Amino acid sequence: MVGQTKNLVKEIGMSAVEEVIESEIERVERWRVEELMRAGYDPLTAGQIALRSDIDLHQAIGLLAHGCPVDLAVRILL
């Protein structure tokens, strides 16, 4: 019984940690979408870029800030 209780606590504890981590990831992704839209990307493209953690947000915004057309920036980034 004690072993089962420890396993249950571990499962519940990990679920809570995973939930916190997941919600933090979601917050970051939402913030990235907002920043990309503010820079000039349409919502769909901003969402695609925001979900890609390998794409540098500042680079994506900088492309548009330096006059790169959105369609070209998307081809460069994706």
N, C-alpha and C. Protein backbone atom coordinates (compact mmCIF):
# COMPACT_ATOMS: atom_id res chain seq x y z
N MET A 1 0.82 -1.20 0.00
CA MET A 1 0.00 0.00 0.00
C MET A 1 0.86 1.26 0.00
N VAL A 2 1.92 1.28 0.79
CA VAL A 2 2.79 2.45 0.86
C VAL A 2 3.42 2.72 -0.49
N GLY A 3 3.88 1.69 -1.18
CA GLY A 3 4.47 1.85 -2.50
C GLY A 3 3.48 2.41 -3.50
N GLN A 4 2.23 1.94 -3.42
CA GLN A 4 1.19 2.44 -4.31
C GLN A 4 0.92 3.91 -4.05
N THR A 5 0.90 4.31 -2.78
CA THR A 5 0.66 5.71 -2.42
C THR A 5 1.77 6.59 -2.94
N LYS A 6 3.02 6.15 -2.80
CA LYS A 6 4.15 6.92 -3.31
C LYS A 6 4.06 7.09 -4.81
N ASN A 7 3.69 6.01 -5.50
CA ASN A 7 3.56 6.10 -6.96
C ASN A 7 2.46 7.08 -7.35
N LEU A 8 1.34 7.04 -6.63
CA LEU A 8 0.24 7.95 -6.92
C LEU A 8 0.67 9.40 -6.69
N VAL A 9 1.37 9.65 -5.60
CA VAL A 9 1.86 11.01 -5.32
C VAL A 9 2.81 11.46 -6.41
N LYS A 10 3.68 10.56 -6.84
CA LYS A 10 4.61 10.91 -7.93
C LYS A 10 3.84 11.24 -9.20
N GLU A 11 2.82 10.43 -9.52
CA GLU A 11 2.02 10.68 -10.73
C GLU A 11 1.30 12.01 -10.64
N ILE A 12 0.69 12.28 -9.52
CA ILE A 12 -0.03 13.55 -9.34
C ILE A 12 0.95 14.70 -9.38
N GLY A 13 2.07 14.55 -8.70
CA GLY A 13 3.09 15.60 -8.69
C GLY A 13 3.61 15.90 -10.08
N MET A 14 3.89 14.88 -10.87
CA MET A 14 4.39 15.09 -12.22
C MET A 14 3.32 15.73 -13.09
N SER A 15 2.07 15.33 -12.90
CA SER A 15 0.99 15.94 -13.69
C SER A 15 0.91 17.43 -13.41
N ALA A 16 1.02 17.81 -12.16
CA ALA A 16 0.96 19.22 -11.79
C ALA A 16 2.14 19.98 -12.39
N VAL A 17 3.32 19.39 -12.33
CA VAL A 17 4.51 20.03 -12.90
C VAL A 17 4.37 20.15 -14.40
N GLU A 18 3.91 19.08 -15.04
CA GLU A 18 3.72 19.12 -16.49
C GLU A 18 2.69 20.18 -16.88
N GLU A 19 1.64 20.32 -16.07
CA GLU A 19 0.61 21.32 -16.35
C GLU A 19 1.18 22.74 -16.24
N VAL A 20 1.99 22.98 -15.23
CA VAL A 20 2.61 24.30 -15.06
C VAL A 20 3.54 24.58 -16.23
N ILE A 21 4.34 23.60 -16.59
CA ILE A 21 5.26 23.78 -17.71
C ILE A 21 4.49 24.04 -18.99
N GLU A 22 3.44 23.25 -19.22
CA GLU A 22 2.65 23.42 -20.42
C GLU A 22 2.00 24.79 -20.47
N SER A 23 1.46 25.24 -19.36
CA SER A 23 0.82 26.55 -19.38
C SER A 23 1.84 27.66 -19.58
N GLU A 24 3.06 27.47 -19.10
CA GLU A 24 4.12 28.45 -19.34
C GLU A 24 4.49 28.48 -20.82
N ILE A 25 4.57 27.33 -21.43
CA ILE A 25 4.86 27.25 -22.86
C ILE A 25 3.75 27.94 -23.65
N GLU A 26 2.51 27.69 -23.27
CA GLU A 26 1.37 28.32 -23.95
C GLU A 26 1.42 29.84 -23.81
N ARG A 27 1.78 30.33 -22.63
CA ARG A 27 1.89 31.78 -22.42
C ARG A 27 2.96 32.39 -23.33
N VAL A 28 4.09 31.71 -23.43
CA VAL A 28 5.18 32.20 -24.28
C VAL A 28 4.74 32.20 -25.74
N GLU A 29 4.09 31.14 -26.17
CA GLU A 29 3.62 31.07 -27.56
C GLU A 29 2.61 32.16 -27.85
N ARG A 30 1.69 32.40 -26.92
CA ARG A 30 0.69 33.46 -27.10
C ARG A 30 1.37 34.82 -27.20
N TRP A 31 2.36 35.06 -26.35
CA TRP A 31 3.10 36.32 -26.37
C TRP A 31 3.83 36.48 -27.70
N ARG A 32 4.43 35.39 -28.19
CA ARG A 32 5.14 35.44 -29.47
C ARG A 32 4.18 35.79 -30.60
N VAL A 33 2.98 35.19 -30.60
CA VAL A 33 1.98 35.50 -31.62
C VAL A 33 1.64 36.99 -31.59
N GLU A 34 1.40 37.51 -30.39
CA GLU A 34 1.05 38.93 -30.25
C GLU A 34 2.16 39.84 -30.78
N GLU A 35 3.40 39.51 -30.46
CA GLU A 35 4.53 40.33 -30.91
C GLU A 35 4.68 40.26 -32.43
N LEU A 36 4.50 39.08 -32.99
CA LEU A 36 4.62 38.92 -34.44
C LEU A 36 3.50 39.66 -35.17
N MET A 37 2.29 39.61 -34.63
CA MET A 37 1.18 40.33 -35.24
C MET A 37 1.40 41.84 -35.14
N ARG A 38 1.92 42.28 -34.02
CA ARG A 38 2.22 43.70 -33.84
C ARG A 38 3.26 44.16 -34.87
N ALA A 39 4.17 43.26 -35.22
CA ALA A 39 5.22 43.58 -36.19
C ALA A 39 4.68 43.63 -37.62
N GLY A 40 3.54 42.95 -37.86
CA GLY A 40 2.96 43.00 -39.19
C GLY A 40 2.58 41.67 -39.81
N TYR A 41 2.85 40.58 -39.13
CA TYR A 41 2.45 39.27 -39.64
C TYR A 41 0.96 39.07 -39.43
N ASP A 42 0.31 38.36 -40.37
CA ASP A 42 -1.11 38.04 -40.19
C ASP A 42 -1.24 36.98 -39.09
N PRO A 43 -2.42 36.82 -38.50
CA PRO A 43 -2.57 35.90 -37.37
C PRO A 43 -2.15 34.45 -37.67
N LEU A 44 -2.49 33.93 -38.84
CA LEU A 44 -2.14 32.55 -39.16
C LEU A 44 -0.62 32.38 -39.25
N THR A 45 0.03 33.27 -39.96
CA THR A 45 1.49 33.20 -40.11
C THR A 45 2.17 33.42 -38.77
N ALA A 46 1.67 34.37 -37.99
CA ALA A 46 2.24 34.62 -36.67
C ALA A 46 2.15 33.37 -35.81
N GLY A 47 1.02 32.66 -35.90
CA GLY A 47 0.87 31.42 -35.15
C GLY A 47 1.84 30.35 -35.58
N GLN A 48 2.05 30.23 -36.88
CA GLN A 48 3.00 29.23 -37.40
C GLN A 48 4.42 29.53 -36.93
N ILE A 49 4.80 30.79 -36.99
CA ILE A 49 6.15 31.17 -36.57
C ILE A 49 6.30 31.03 -35.06
N ALA A 50 5.28 31.46 -34.32
CA ALA A 50 5.34 31.44 -32.86
C ALA A 50 5.52 30.02 -32.31
N LEU A 51 4.94 29.04 -32.95
CA LEU A 51 5.04 27.66 -32.48
C LEU A 51 6.42 27.06 -32.72
N ARG A 52 7.22 27.69 -33.55
CA ARG A 52 8.55 27.18 -33.88
C ARG A 52 9.58 27.81 -32.95
N SER A 53 9.94 27.09 -31.91
CA SER A 53 10.91 27.63 -30.95
C SER A 53 12.30 27.77 -31.55
N ASP A 54 12.53 27.16 -32.71
CA ASP A 54 13.83 27.28 -33.37
C ASP A 54 13.95 28.57 -34.18
N ILE A 55 12.84 29.31 -34.31
CA ILE A 55 12.87 30.58 -35.04
C ILE A 55 13.01 31.72 -34.03
N ASP A 56 14.05 32.52 -34.22
CA ASP A 56 14.31 33.64 -33.32
C ASP A 56 13.27 34.74 -33.54
N LEU A 57 12.57 35.09 -32.48
CA LEU A 57 11.51 36.10 -32.55
C LEU A 57 12.07 37.44 -33.02
N HIS A 58 13.20 37.84 -32.50
CA HIS A 58 13.78 39.13 -32.87
C HIS A 58 14.19 39.16 -34.34
N GLN A 59 14.66 38.05 -34.85
CA GLN A 59 14.99 37.98 -36.27
C GLN A 59 13.73 38.11 -37.12
N ALA A 60 12.67 37.42 -36.72
CA ALA A 60 11.41 37.46 -37.47
C ALA A 60 10.84 38.88 -37.50
N ILE A 61 10.90 39.56 -36.37
CA ILE A 61 10.41 40.94 -36.29
C ILE A 61 11.36 41.88 -37.04
N GLY A 62 12.65 41.65 -36.90
CA GLY A 62 13.65 42.49 -37.54
C GLY A 62 13.56 42.48 -39.06
N LEU A 63 13.21 41.33 -39.61
CA LEU A 63 13.06 41.27 -41.07
C LEU A 63 12.03 42.28 -41.56
N LEU A 64 10.88 42.31 -40.89
CA LEU A 64 9.84 43.27 -41.29
C LEU A 64 10.24 44.70 -40.96
N ALA A 65 10.89 44.89 -39.83
CA ALA A 65 11.31 46.23 -39.43
C ALA A 65 12.29 46.83 -40.42
N HIS A 66 13.05 45.98 -41.09
CA HIS A 66 14.02 46.45 -42.08
C HIS A 66 13.46 46.47 -43.50
N GLY A 67 12.14 46.32 -43.63
CA GLY A 67 11.50 46.47 -44.91
C GLY A 67 11.28 45.20 -45.72
N CYS A 68 11.58 44.07 -45.16
CA CYS A 68 11.37 42.81 -45.87
C CYS A 68 9.86 42.56 -45.99
N PRO A 69 9.37 42.25 -47.18
CA PRO A 69 7.95 41.92 -47.31
C PRO A 69 7.60 40.66 -46.52
N VAL A 70 6.38 40.60 -46.02
CA VAL A 70 5.96 39.47 -45.19
C VAL A 70 6.14 38.14 -45.90
N ASP A 71 5.73 38.05 -47.15
CA ASP A 71 5.84 36.75 -47.85
C ASP A 71 7.29 36.29 -47.98
N LEU A 72 8.20 37.21 -48.20
CA LEU A 72 9.61 36.84 -48.27
C LEU A 72 10.14 36.46 -46.90
N ALA A 73 9.76 37.20 -45.86
CA ALA A 73 10.17 36.88 -44.50
C ALA A 73 9.71 35.48 -44.11
N VAL A 74 8.50 35.14 -44.48
CA VAL A 74 7.97 33.80 -44.18
C VAL A 74 8.79 32.74 -44.88
N ARG A 75 9.13 32.96 -46.14
CA ARG A 75 9.97 31.98 -46.87
C ARG A 75 11.34 31.84 -46.22
N ILE A 76 11.89 32.93 -45.75
CA ILE A 76 13.20 32.89 -45.10
C ILE A 76 13.11 32.11 -43.79
N LEU A 77 12.07 32.40 -43.01
CA LEU A 77 11.96 31.82 -41.67
C LEU A 77 11.47 30.38 -41.67
N LEU A 78 10.54 30.06 -42.54
CA LEU A 78 9.97 28.71 -42.54
C LEU A 78 10.62 27.87 -43.62
